[in-house]
Amino acid sequence: RDIATSVQTLRDRGYTHELHLAWPWGYFRKEWLDDLASLGIRYSYTMRPGTNYPGCDPKTIMRLSGEKNVVNLELLCSAGSSPVYGKLLNGASKIWGTLRSSR
C-alpha cells in the first residue's frame, strides 16, 4: 500500500518517467513482485549479490557491493553481461557466499 501511495503521489505531481524501486534493506517477498507491474514499476533492485545479464528478471536486479574491493571489476562486468558467463558467475557467487557464511 505504501508503494502504491508513493507511485500515485508521483503521478499526481506530473512525474511521467520510468519508475524504479530499490527495496528497503533489500527485503521483499516474491509475491510482491507481481504487484509491481500493476503499479507501473518495471525495475526493482535487491541486495542479492551478483551481476545482471540479458534475460535476467528486471524485478530482481542484483548488485555488486560497493563496500568491498572488487578485483578486475571491468572484466567482471563485461563477463557478467553475457547470458552464459553471467549465469556461471552468479552460480559461483552463491557457492562462494555459502562457503564464507559457514565459517
C-alpha atoms as a PDB file:
ATOM      1  CA  ARG A   1       0.000   0.000   0.000  1.00  0.00           C
ATOM      2  CA  ASP A   2       2.878   2.379   0.801  1.00  0.00           C
ATOM      3  CA  ILE A   3       4.427   1.841  -2.608  1.00  0.00           C
ATOM      4  CA  ALA A   4       1.075   2.346  -4.374  1.00  0.00           C
ATOM      5  CA  THR A   5       0.578   5.615  -2.479  1.00  0.00           C
ATOM      6  CA  SER A   6       4.080   6.782  -3.421  1.00  0.00           C
ATOM      7  CA  VAL A   7       3.541   5.954  -7.098  1.00  0.00           C
ATOM      8  CA  GLN A   8       0.185   7.774  -7.110  1.00  0.00           C
ATOM      9  CA  THR A   9       1.760  10.827  -5.469  1.00  0.00           C
ATOM     10  CA  LEU A  10       4.481  10.919  -8.127  1.00  0.00           C
ATOM     11  CA  ARG A  11       1.915  10.615 -10.926  1.00  0.00           C
ATOM     12  CA  ASP A  12      -0.347  13.277  -9.359  1.00  0.00           C
ATOM     13  CA  ARG A  13       2.618  15.663  -9.350  1.00  0.00           C
ATOM     14  CA  GLY A  14       3.272  15.089 -13.047  1.00  0.00           C
ATOM     15  CA  TYR A  15       6.093  12.538 -12.960  1.00  0.00           C
ATOM     16  CA  THR A  16       5.920  10.614 -16.239  1.00  0.00           C
ATOM     17  CA  HIS A  17       9.308   8.860 -16.391  1.00  0.00           C
ATOM     18  CA  GLU A  18      10.102   5.183 -15.829  1.00  0.00           C
ATOM     19  CA  LEU A  19       9.677   4.030 -12.233  1.00  0.00           C
ATOM     20  CA  HIS A  20      12.347   2.019 -10.389  1.00  0.00           C
ATOM     21  CA  LEU A  21      12.171   0.610  -6.879  1.00  0.00           C
ATOM     22  CA  ALA A  22      15.036  -0.172  -4.510  1.00  0.00           C
ATOM     23  CA  TRP A  23      13.596  -2.481  -1.872  1.00  0.00           C
ATOM     24  CA  PRO A  24      14.291  -1.083   1.611  1.00  0.00           C
ATOM     25  CA  TRP A  25      17.160  -3.107   3.037  1.00  0.00           C
ATOM     26  CA  GLY A  26      16.762  -5.375   0.004  1.00  0.00           C
ATOM     27  CA  TYR A  27      13.844  -7.128   1.724  1.00  0.00           C
ATOM     28  CA  PHE A  28      10.953  -8.309  -0.408  1.00  0.00           C
ATOM     29  CA  ARG A  29       8.648 -11.266  -0.806  1.00  0.00           C
ATOM     30  CA  LYS A  30       8.349 -12.995  -4.152  1.00  0.00           C
ATOM     31  CA  GLU A  31       4.564 -12.461  -4.233  1.00  0.00           C
ATOM     32  CA  TRP A  32       5.093  -8.693  -4.010  1.00  0.00           C
ATOM     33  CA  LEU A  33       6.989  -8.687  -7.304  1.00  0.00           C
ATOM     34  CA  ASP A  34       3.829  -9.347  -9.326  1.00  0.00           C
ATOM     35  CA  ASP A  35       2.209  -6.256  -7.803  1.00  0.00           C
ATOM     36  CA  LEU A  36       4.918  -4.041  -9.270  1.00  0.00           C
ATOM     37  CA  ALA A  37       3.627  -4.347 -12.835  1.00  0.00           C
ATOM     38  CA  SER A  38       0.164  -3.211 -11.782  1.00  0.00           C
ATOM     39  CA  LEU A  39       1.789  -0.105 -10.298  1.00  0.00           C
ATOM     40  CA  GLY A  40       3.816   0.591 -13.444  1.00  0.00           C
ATOM     41  CA  ILE A  41       7.170  -0.368 -11.914  1.00  0.00           C
ATOM     42  CA  ARG A  42       9.283  -2.491 -14.267  1.00  0.00           C
ATOM     43  CA  TYR A  43      12.587  -2.487 -12.394  1.00  0.00           C
ATOM     44  CA  SER A  44      13.396  -3.263  -8.780  1.00  0.00           C
ATOM     45  CA  TYR A  45      16.729  -3.629  -7.053  1.00  0.00           C
ATOM     46  CA  THR A  46      17.541  -6.257  -4.457  1.00  0.00           C
ATOM     47  CA  MET A  47      20.537  -6.695  -2.172  1.00  0.00           C
ATOM     48  CA  ARG A  48      21.295 -10.092  -3.718  1.00  0.00           C
ATOM     49  CA  PRO A  49      24.935 -10.153  -4.814  1.00  0.00           C
ATOM     50  CA  GLY A  50      25.626 -10.867  -8.459  1.00  0.00           C
ATOM     51  CA  THR A  51      25.857  -9.487 -11.944  1.00  0.00           C
ATOM     52  CA  ASN A  52      22.955  -8.995 -14.314  1.00  0.00           C
ATOM     53  CA  TYR A  53      22.876 -10.313 -17.848  1.00  0.00           C
ATOM     54  CA  PRO A  54      20.421 -10.191 -20.765  1.00  0.00           C
ATOM     55  CA  GLY A  55      17.324 -12.137 -19.848  1.00  0.00           C
ATOM     56  CA  CYS A  56      17.560 -11.507 -16.083  1.00  0.00           C
ATOM     57  CA  ASP A  57      14.316 -10.653 -14.338  1.00  0.00           C
ATOM     58  CA  PRO A  58      14.217  -6.825 -14.156  1.00  0.00           C
ATOM     59  CA  LYS A  59      12.131  -7.111 -10.967  1.00  0.00           C
ATOM     60  CA  THR A  60      15.067  -8.721  -9.106  1.00  0.00           C
ATOM     61  CA  ILE A  61      18.132  -6.775 -10.214  1.00  0.00           C
ATOM     62  CA  MET A  62      21.233  -7.876  -8.312  1.00  0.00           C
ATOM     63  CA  ARG A  63      24.089  -5.648  -7.135  1.00  0.00           C
ATOM     64  CA  LEU A  64      27.810  -5.710  -6.608  1.00  0.00           C
ATOM     65  CA  SER A  65      28.651  -4.411  -3.151  1.00  0.00           C
ATOM     66  CA  GLY A  66      30.469  -1.099  -3.094  1.00  0.00           C
ATOM     67  CA  GLU A  67      31.745  -1.895   0.381  1.00  0.00           C
ATOM     68  CA  LYS A  68      34.305  -4.409  -0.834  1.00  0.00           C
ATOM     69  CA  ASN A  69      37.168  -4.030  -3.260  1.00  0.00           C
ATOM     70  CA  VAL A  70      36.357  -5.973  -6.399  1.00  0.00           C
ATOM     71  CA  VAL A  71      39.412  -7.081  -8.337  1.00  0.00           C
ATOM     72  CA  ASN A  72      39.099  -6.698 -12.113  1.00  0.00           C
ATOM     73  CA  LEU A  73      35.698  -5.012 -11.899  1.00  0.00           C
ATOM     74  CA  GLU A  74      35.748  -4.138 -15.612  1.00  0.00           C
ATOM     75  CA  LEU A  75      36.342  -7.776 -16.558  1.00  0.00           C
ATOM     76  CA  LEU A  76      33.674  -8.977 -14.118  1.00  0.00           C
ATOM     77  CA  CYS A  77      31.089  -6.568 -15.508  1.00  0.00           C
ATOM     78  CA  SER A  78      31.979  -7.483 -19.077  1.00  0.00           C
ATOM     79  CA  ALA A  79      31.712 -11.223 -18.417  1.00  0.00           C
ATOM     80  CA  GLY A  80      28.638 -10.749 -16.247  1.00  0.00           C
ATOM     81  CA  SER A  81      26.754  -9.081 -19.075  1.00  0.00           C
ATOM     82  CA  SER A  82      26.906 -12.301 -21.101  1.00  0.00           C
ATOM     83  CA  PRO A  83      23.936 -14.659 -20.600  1.00  0.00           C
ATOM     84  CA  VAL A  84      26.215 -17.705 -20.312  1.00  0.00           C
ATOM     85  CA  TYR A  85      29.036 -16.223 -18.236  1.00  0.00           C
ATOM     86  CA  GLY A  86      26.590 -14.200 -16.133  1.00  0.00           C
ATOM     87  CA  LYS A  87      24.791 -17.370 -15.023  1.00  0.00           C
ATOM     88  CA  LEU A  88      28.121 -19.036 -14.251  1.00  0.00           C
ATOM     89  CA  LEU A  89      29.332 -16.028 -12.249  1.00  0.00           C
ATOM     90  CA  ASN A  90      26.102 -15.862 -10.266  1.00  0.00           C
ATOM     91  CA  GLY A  91      26.287 -19.587  -9.503  1.00  0.00           C
ATOM     92  CA  ALA A  92      29.887 -19.261  -8.364  1.00  0.00           C
ATOM     93  CA  SER A  93      28.966 -16.214  -6.276  1.00  0.00           C
ATOM     94  CA  LYS A  94      26.216 -18.152  -4.477  1.00  0.00           C
ATOM     95  CA  ILE A  95      28.580 -21.039  -3.732  1.00  0.00           C
ATOM     96  CA  TRP A  96      31.282 -18.643  -2.502  1.00  0.00           C
ATOM     97  CA  GLY A  97      28.758 -16.822  -0.292  1.00  0.00           C
ATOM     98  CA  THR A  98      27.565 -20.099   1.210  1.00  0.00           C
ATOM     99  CA  LEU A  99      31.126 -21.193   1.931  1.00  0.00           C
ATOM    100  CA  ARG A 100      32.023 -17.862   3.528  1.00  0.00           C
ATOM    101  CA  SER A 101      28.912 -17.792   5.743  1.00  0.00           C
ATOM    102  CA  SER A 102      29.501 -21.332   7.004  1.00  0.00           C
ATOM    103  CA  ARG A 103      32.874 -20.398   8.523  1.00  0.00           C
END
